[in-house]
């Protein structure tokens, strides 16, 4: 049966399995060897070459989910991002980058590209005209992230991909927030898809990994750079990631259902000033979300009204964890200004609309009622500190 004919849960469960030929086990065996035979073999395997059995097979699962020809696993999302950037950009080249991106990616560009004599331009906004205006004769890449971290802004994927192709520019997208369960950028013409696999692919807050999905030709180019930079992943972690991805679609859909309900709850709460979620009709990119996403994702951000201290609110939470990272089955919140975007200058954060009180909410699989109760309790405790003492 062709992969394209398989349902998403079947792909998550079965594509990328390593057959246990010896003992007929139901799950993939782990190959932890760092030394493999090199004579009379079709593939000379070595962990840093990204071609151990566990690495090879998991890449097939990711490629199938993203409708890509091939994929590659990395030690982190930033390892994947930096390797792709350096594989396609050389001294004197230029990259167009959307203004609203993950803080780590922006830090890589602003603090390190000058060392490689790589030029860059951040767009004024996320409209297609801003991308066009930034293109130069030496532009080699257009880089987007949609939905964006942390304000959930959207870029028209197909429009950017079409623009890039018309100029013979390679297009790259960070698809971490949406996952291939919600959007498949390659179907809209994007060349290279990136993931922090630490997030939804891992899904249990116990894995650090990255991934790239693209054409075989592009993987060949990326591989040449990746073996020099050495951002490979241990095979035990690869095995854990393959195990986790079997439930990817189930987890993401459950989290997404909760997020939609929590976004509506927050949007109507008298203590909340603003909610950022593509599923709300008030979101400026709601129409784009309906066009390119199957649902609206499980990430949202919000701002409390001025009379409520965001840090105090987070400390008052009992069920939702004030924690780094995102996309685990447990709900978490954080302040991007102090975590994911802390490396940016206050001016850069302000330009992106990231206030010091902005809260990013990664919605988990808990009961919606329990999450709402926890938020209401935390708001009450923040307004009345005596409640915090009573409930300590």
Protein backbone atom coordinates (compact mmCIF):
# COMPACT_ATOMS: atom_id res chain seq x y z
CA UNK A 1 0.00 0.00 0.00
CA UNK A 2 1.32 3.45 -0.95
CA UNK A 3 2.19 5.83 1.91
CA UNK A 4 -0.02 8.51 0.35
CA UNK A 5 -3.04 6.22 0.77
CA UNK A 6 -2.47 5.64 4.47
CA UNK A 7 -4.32 7.53 7.20
CA UNK A 8 -2.33 9.86 9.42
CA UNK A 9 -2.60 7.63 12.49
CA UNK A 10 -1.41 4.66 10.44
CA UNK A 11 1.60 6.66 9.23
CA UNK A 12 2.39 7.74 12.79
CA UNK A 13 2.11 4.18 14.06
CA UNK A 14 3.73 2.12 11.32
CA UNK A 15 5.86 4.10 8.87
CA UNK A 16 9.43 4.26 10.14
CA UNK A 17 9.24 1.07 12.18
CA UNK A 18 12.32 -1.14 12.08
CA UNK A 19 11.21 -4.77 11.60
CA UNK A 20 12.45 -7.01 14.39
CA UNK A 21 13.55 -9.88 12.17
CA UNK A 22 15.18 -11.86 14.98
CA UNK A 23 12.58 -11.87 17.76
CA UNK A 24 9.47 -10.50 15.98
CA UNK A 25 8.88 -7.80 18.60
CA UNK A 26 6.02 -5.33 18.15
CA UNK A 27 8.27 -2.27 18.47
CA UNK A 28 11.47 -1.21 16.74
CA UNK A 29 14.71 -2.57 18.18
CA UNK A 30 17.36 -0.05 19.28
CA UNK A 31 20.73 -0.09 17.55
CA UNK A 32 23.16 1.64 19.90
CA UNK A 33 26.36 0.77 18.09
CA UNK A 34 28.69 3.64 17.19
CA UNK A 35 30.80 1.32 15.02
CA UNK A 36 29.53 -0.57 11.97
CA UNK A 37 31.07 -2.86 9.34
CA UNK A 38 32.42 -0.96 6.33
CA UNK A 39 33.44 -3.75 3.96
CA UNK A 40 30.96 -5.41 1.60
CA UNK A 41 28.01 -3.30 2.79
CA UNK A 42 25.61 -1.06 0.87
CA UNK A 43 25.68 1.69 3.51
CA UNK A 44 28.67 2.70 5.61
CA UNK A 45 26.90 3.64 8.83
CA UNK A 46 28.13 6.06 11.48
CA UNK A 47 26.05 8.09 13.98
CA UNK A 48 27.46 11.45 12.85
CA UNK A 49 26.54 10.56 9.27
CA UNK A 50 22.84 10.52 10.28
CA UNK A 51 22.41 7.02 8.81
CA UNK A 52 22.21 4.55 11.69
CA UNK A 53 19.19 2.22 11.41
CA UNK A 54 17.09 4.15 13.96
CA UNK A 55 17.93 7.50 12.33
CA UNK A 56 17.17 6.18 8.85
CA UNK A 57 13.81 4.70 9.70
CA UNK A 58 12.51 7.62 11.78
CA UNK A 59 13.37 9.96 8.90
CA UNK A 60 10.98 7.94 6.74
CA UNK A 61 8.13 8.60 9.16
CA UNK A 62 8.75 12.35 9.22
CA UNK A 63 9.06 12.50 5.43
CA UNK A 64 5.78 10.62 5.02
CA UNK A 65 3.95 12.94 7.41
CA UNK A 66 5.26 16.06 5.64
CA UNK A 67 4.67 14.69 2.11
CA UNK A 68 8.41 15.05 1.52
CA UNK A 69 10.84 12.84 -0.40
CA UNK A 70 13.29 12.62 2.48
CA UNK A 71 14.03 13.83 6.00
CA UNK A 72 16.86 14.06 8.51
CA UNK A 73 16.95 14.01 12.32
CA UNK A 74 19.06 16.45 14.38
CA UNK A 75 20.12 16.91 17.99
CA UNK A 76 17.90 19.99 18.44
CA UNK A 77 15.65 22.35 16.53
CA UNK A 78 18.42 24.95 16.41
CA UNK A 79 20.84 22.32 15.06
CA UNK A 80 18.41 21.73 12.21
CA UNK A 81 17.84 25.45 11.60
CA UNK A 82 21.51 26.47 11.70
CA UNK A 83 22.59 23.53 9.52
CA UNK A 84 20.00 24.32 6.85
CA UNK A 85 20.91 28.01 6.88
CA UNK A 86 24.63 27.33 6.52
CA UNK A 87 24.04 24.66 3.89
CA UNK A 88 22.28 27.12 1.56
CA UNK A 89 23.98 30.40 2.42
CA UNK A 90 27.60 31.34 1.82
CA UNK A 91 29.63 34.51 2.16
CA UNK A 92 27.99 37.33 0.20
CA UNK A 93 24.54 35.71 0.10
CA UNK A 94 21.34 37.27 1.45
CA UNK A 95 18.32 35.81 3.26
CA UNK A 96 14.86 37.31 3.70
CA UNK A 97 13.40 36.51 7.13
CA UNK A 98 9.94 37.25 8.45
CA UNK A 99 10.04 39.70 11.32
CA UNK A 100 8.19 37.50 13.82
CA UNK A 101 10.26 34.39 14.50
CA UNK A 102 11.53 32.29 17.37
CA UNK A 103 14.05 34.18 19.51
CA UNK A 104 16.76 31.55 19.08
CA UNK A 105 16.54 31.79 15.30
CA UNK A 106 16.69 35.58 15.38
CA UNK A 107 19.66 35.43 17.75
CA UNK A 108 21.49 33.11 15.32
CA UNK A 109 20.93 35.55 12.47
CA UNK A 110 21.62 38.82 14.27
CA UNK A 111 24.63 37.72 16.30
CA UNK A 112 26.39 35.23 14.03
CA UNK A 113 25.63 35.84 10.36
CA UNK A 114 28.01 38.79 10.27
CA UNK A 115 30.82 36.36 11.13
CA UNK A 116 30.05 34.52 7.90
CA UNK A 117 29.47 37.68 5.84
CA UNK A 118 25.87 36.60 5.25
CA UNK A 119 23.42 39.46 4.71
CA UNK A 120 19.84 39.43 5.96
CA UNK A 121 16.67 41.51 5.93
CA UNK A 122 13.73 41.20 8.31
CA UNK A 123 10.37 42.00 6.77
CA UNK A 124 8.40 45.02 7.93
CA UNK A 125 5.32 42.86 8.44
CA UNK A 126 3.98 39.51 7.22
CA UNK A 127 2.30 40.75 4.05
CA UNK A 128 3.60 39.41 0.74
CA UNK A 129 4.65 42.90 -0.33
CA UNK A 130 7.11 43.07 2.56
CA UNK A 131 8.80 39.89 1.39
CA UNK A 132 9.00 41.22 -2.17
CA UNK A 133 10.50 44.49 -0.97
CA UNK A 134 13.32 42.67 0.84
CA UNK A 135 14.47 40.52 -2.10
CA UNK A 136 17.87 41.44 -3.52
CA UNK A 137 19.98 40.15 -6.40
CA UNK A 138 21.94 37.97 -3.96
CA UNK A 139 18.92 36.58 -2.06
CA UNK A 140 19.17 32.79 -1.76
CA UNK A 141 16.63 31.96 0.96
CA UNK A 142 13.25 33.13 2.22
CA UNK A 143 12.61 31.98 5.79
CA UNK A 144 9.19 31.95 7.45
CA UNK A 145 7.59 30.59 10.63
CA UNK A 146 3.85 30.16 10.77
CA UNK A 147 2.15 30.22 13.20
CA UNK A 148 4.81 32.44 14.73
CA UNK A 149 6.27 32.17 18.21
CA UNK A 150 4.85 33.63 20.44
CA UNK A 151 2.08 35.80 18.92
CA UNK A 152 0.63 33.18 16.56
CA UNK A 153 0.85 35.42 13.51
CA UNK A 154 0.34 33.72 10.16
CA UNK A 155 2.04 33.99 6.80
CA UNK A 156 0.32 32.98 3.56
CA UNK A 157 2.45 29.91 2.84
CA UNK A 158 1.40 29.43 -0.78
CA UNK A 159 1.94 33.10 -1.66
CA UNK A 160 5.47 33.11 -0.22
CA UNK A 161 6.32 29.80 -1.88
CA UNK A 162 5.09 31.08 -5.24
CA UNK A 163 7.11 34.27 -4.84
CA UNK A 164 10.24 32.29 -3.98
CA UNK A 165 9.86 30.00 -6.98
CA UNK A 166 9.34 32.95 -9.33
CA UNK A 167 12.71 34.34 -8.21
CA UNK A 168 14.45 30.93 -8.05
CA UNK A 169 14.91 31.33 -4.29
CA UNK A 170 14.75 28.42 -1.85
CA UNK A 171 11.90 28.69 0.67
CA UNK A 172 12.18 27.43 4.27
CA UNK A 173 9.51 27.18 6.97
CA UNK A 174 9.56 26.41 10.67
CA UNK A 175 6.47 24.22 11.03
CA UNK A 176 6.94 23.43 14.72
CA UNK A 177 3.76 25.04 16.08
CA UNK A 178 1.43 23.55 13.48
CA UNK A 179 3.03 20.12 12.93
CA UNK A 180 2.21 18.15 9.76
CA UNK A 181 -1.04 17.11 11.43
CA UNK A 182 -2.37 20.65 11.01
CA UNK A 183 -0.52 21.94 7.94
CA UNK A 184 1.73 20.48 5.27
CA UNK A 185 3.80 23.34 3.78
CA UNK A 186 5.28 21.22 0.99
CA UNK A 187 1.76 20.82 -0.43
CA UNK A 188 1.70 24.63 -0.73
CA UNK A 189 5.04 24.76 -2.55
CA UNK A 190 7.55 25.26 0.28
CA UNK A 191 10.94 23.66 -0.35
CA UNK A 192 12.24 22.87 3.14
CA UNK A 193 10.30 22.19 6.36
CA UNK A 194 11.95 22.48 9.78
CA UNK A 195 10.86 21.29 13.21
CA UNK A 196 11.95 21.53 16.77
CA UNK A 197 11.14 17.86 17.37
CA UNK A 198 11.56 18.60 21.06
CA UNK A 199 8.03 19.95 20.91
CA UNK A 200 5.03 18.10 19.45
CA UNK A 201 7.02 15.28 17.86
CA UNK A 202 8.41 14.35 21.28
CA UNK A 203 5.29 15.50 23.08
CA UNK A 204 6.25 14.38 26.59
CA UNK A 205 8.81 17.02 27.62
CA UNK A 206 11.63 14.48 27.77
CA UNK A 207 13.33 14.72 24.36
CA UNK A 208 15.51 17.33 22.65
CA UNK A 209 15.64 16.92 18.87
CA UNK A 210 15.19 18.60 15.49
CA UNK A 211 14.08 17.56 12.02
CA UNK A 212 14.19 18.61 8.38
CA UNK A 213 11.89 17.36 5.61
CA UNK A 214 12.44 18.22 1.95
CA UNK A 215 13.47 16.80 -1.43
CA UNK A 216 16.21 14.20 -1.69
CA UNK A 217 18.37 16.69 -3.58
CA UNK A 218 18.10 19.24 -0.76
CA UNK A 219 18.76 16.55 1.86
CA UNK A 220 21.96 15.69 0.00
CA UNK A 221 23.06 19.33 0.28
CA UNK A 222 22.07 19.58 3.94
CA UNK A 223 23.84 16.30 4.74
CA UNK A 224 27.15 17.58 3.41
CA UNK A 225 27.02 20.44 5.92
CA UNK A 226 25.50 18.41 8.77
CA UNK A 227 28.31 15.83 8.90
CA UNK A 228 30.78 18.69 9.36
CA UNK A 229 28.75 20.45 12.07
CA UNK A 230 28.00 17.21 13.91
CA UNK A 231 24.48 17.90 15.16
CA UNK A 232 23.41 14.25 15.23
CA UNK A 233 21.15 12.63 17.82
CA UNK A 234 21.82 9.57 20.01
CA UNK A 235 20.01 6.47 18.84
CA UNK A 236 18.32 5.92 22.19
CA UNK A 237 16.71 9.37 21.86
CA UNK A 238 15.84 8.60 18.23
CA UNK A 239 14.09 5.45 19.43
CA UNK A 240 12.20 7.44 22.09
CA UNK A 241 11.17 9.96 19.46
CA UNK A 242 9.87 7.24 17.14
CA UNK A 243 7.85 5.83 20.05
CA UNK A 244 6.43 9.27 20.87
CA UNK A 245 5.46 10.05 17.29
CA UNK A 246 3.13 7.06 17.17
CA UNK A 247 0.62 9.15 19.13
CA UNK A 248 1.40 12.48 17.44
CA UNK A 249 -1.94 12.90 15.64
CA UNK A 250 -3.99 11.80 18.64
CA UNK A 251 -2.15 14.16 21.00
CA UNK A 252 -2.21 17.17 18.70
CA UNK A 253 -5.92 16.85 17.96
CA UNK A 254 -6.77 16.53 21.66
CA UNK A 255 -4.59 19.53 22.55
CA UNK A 256 -6.10 21.53 19.71
CA UNK A 257 -9.66 20.87 20.92
CA UNK A 258 -8.70 22.14 24.37
CA UNK A 259 -6.89 25.19 22.99
CA UNK A 260 -9.91 26.33 21.00
CA UNK A 261 -12.08 26.17 24.12
CA UNK A 262 -9.49 27.84 26.35
CA UNK A 263 -8.96 30.64 23.80
CA UNK A 264 -12.69 31.41 23.83
CA UNK A 265 -12.76 31.32 27.63
CA UNK A 266 -9.84 33.74 27.93
CA UNK A 267 -11.19 35.98 25.19
CA UNK A 268 -14.37 36.50 27.20
CA UNK A 269 -12.70 36.86 30.62
CA UNK A 270 -12.90 40.32 32.19
CA UNK A 271 -9.30 40.11 33.47
CA UNK A 272 -7.81 39.35 30.04
CA UNK A 273 -6.83 42.23 27.78
CA UNK A 274 -5.93 40.34 24.60
CA UNK A 275 -5.84 36.77 23.25
CA UNK A 276 -3.74 35.67 20.29
CA UNK A 277 -5.15 32.52 18.67
CA UNK A 278 -5.79 31.89 14.93
CA UNK A 279 -9.04 30.11 15.73
CA UNK A 280 -10.68 33.28 17.01
CA UNK A 281 -12.57 35.24 14.37
CA UNK A 282 -11.01 38.39 15.83
CA UNK A 283 -7.52 37.15 14.87
CA UNK A 284 -6.29 39.25 11.92
CA UNK A 285 -5.09 36.14 10.07
CA UNK A 286 -8.15 33.96 10.72
CA UNK A 287 -8.95 33.71 7.00
CA UNK A 288 -5.40 32.53 6.22
CA UNK A 289 -5.66 29.92 8.98
CA UNK A 290 -8.84 28.52 7.43
CA UNK A 291 -7.09 28.33 4.08
CA UNK A 292 -3.90 26.50 5.05
CA UNK A 293 -4.50 24.82 8.42
CA UNK A 294 -6.63 21.84 9.42
CA UNK A 295 -7.63 23.40 12.70
CA UNK A 296 -5.83 26.17 14.54
CA UNK A 297 -3.24 24.46 16.70
CA UNK A 298 -2.76 24.07 20.44
CA UNK A 299 -0.68 27.20 21.11
CA UNK A 300 -2.03 30.57 22.16
CA UNK A 301 -0.82 33.69 23.93
CA UNK A 302 -2.61 36.26 26.02
CA UNK A 303 -2.12 39.43 28.03
CA UNK A 304 -3.77 40.12 31.36
CA UNK A 305 -5.08 43.59 32.13
CA UNK A 306 -2.66 46.04 33.70
CA UNK A 307 -3.92 45.56 37.25
CA UNK A 308 -2.82 41.89 37.25
CA UNK A 309 0.87 41.02 37.53
CA UNK A 310 1.75 38.28 35.03
CA UNK A 311 4.58 36.80 37.12
CA UNK A 312 2.38 36.63 40.21
CA UNK A 313 -0.34 34.97 38.14
CA UNK A 314 2.06 32.26 36.92
CA UNK A 315 3.26 31.60 40.48
CA UNK A 316 -0.35 31.16 41.63
CA UNK A 317 -1.06 28.35 39.15
CA UNK A 318 -1.47 24.90 40.68
CA UNK A 319 -2.11 22.61 37.71
CA UNK A 320 -0.66 24.45 34.73
CA UNK A 321 3.14 24.48 34.97
CA UNK A 322 5.10 27.76 34.62
CA UNK A 323 7.72 25.98 32.58
CA UNK A 324 10.12 26.33 29.68
CA UNK A 325 9.47 24.83 26.24
CA UNK A 326 6.07 23.74 24.97
CA UNK A 327 3.90 21.07 23.34
CA UNK A 328 3.99 18.45 26.08
CA UNK A 329 0.83 16.61 27.07
CA UNK A 330 0.83 18.78 30.19
CA UNK A 331 -0.24 22.42 29.94
CA UNK A 332 2.49 25.01 30.46
CA UNK A 333 2.77 28.79 30.49
CA UNK A 334 5.74 31.13 30.32
CA UNK A 335 6.76 34.73 29.75
CA UNK A 336 8.51 34.93 26.34
CA UNK A 337 10.32 38.12 27.41
CA UNK A 338 12.10 36.10 30.09
CA UNK A 339 12.53 32.80 28.22
CA UNK A 340 12.11 32.06 24.51
CA UNK A 341 12.85 35.65 23.46
CA UNK A 342 15.10 36.73 26.31
CA UNK A 343 18.14 36.87 23.99
CA UNK A 344 16.52 39.68 22.01
CA UNK A 345 16.94 43.30 22.97
CA UNK A 346 13.96 45.04 24.56
CA UNK A 347 13.71 47.08 21.34
CA UNK A 348 13.50 43.94 19.19
CA UNK A 349 10.82 42.44 21.43
CA UNK A 350 8.83 45.65 21.34
CA UNK A 351 9.08 45.77 17.52
CA UNK A 352 7.56 42.29 17.39
CA UNK A 353 4.78 43.22 19.82
CA UNK A 354 6.12 41.06 22.65
CA UNK A 355 5.31 42.83 25.90
CA UNK A 356 6.90 41.93 29.24
CA UNK A 357 3.52 40.68 30.42
CA UNK A 358 2.74 38.49 27.41
CA UNK A 359 2.00 34.89 28.47
CA UNK A 360 2.47 31.98 26.06
CA UNK A 361 0.13 29.09 26.76
CA UNK A 362 0.90 25.58 25.52
CA UNK A 363 -2.38 23.72 26.02
CA UNK A 364 -2.18 20.09 27.08
CA UNK A 365 -4.61 17.19 27.23
CA UNK A 366 -6.02 17.77 30.72
CA UNK A 367 -9.72 18.31 31.35
CA UNK A 368 -10.83 21.67 30.01
CA UNK A 369 -12.78 22.32 33.21
CA UNK A 370 -9.70 21.73 35.36
CA UNK A 371 -7.60 24.12 33.27
CA UNK A 372 -10.24 26.84 33.47
CA UNK A 373 -10.58 26.35 37.22
CA UNK A 374 -6.80 26.68 37.63
CA UNK A 375 -6.68 29.92 35.63
CA UNK A 376 -9.60 31.44 37.53
CA UNK A 377 -8.04 30.47 40.86
CA UNK A 378 -4.67 31.99 39.87
CA UNK A 379 -6.31 35.26 38.85
CA UNK A 380 -8.21 35.39 42.14
CA UNK A 381 -5.04 34.72 44.14
CA UNK A 382 -3.16 37.42 42.24
CA UNK A 383 -5.86 39.96 43.04
CA UNK A 384 -6.13 38.77 46.63
CA UNK A 385 -2.76 37.51 47.98
CA UNK A 386 -4.48 36.28 51.16
CA UNK A 387 -6.07 33.52 49.07
CA UNK A 388 -2.59 32.33 48.14
CA UNK A 389 -1.71 31.94 51.82
CA UNK A 390 -4.98 30.15 52.50
CA UNK A 391 -4.36 27.65 49.69
CA UNK A 392 -0.65 27.16 50.40
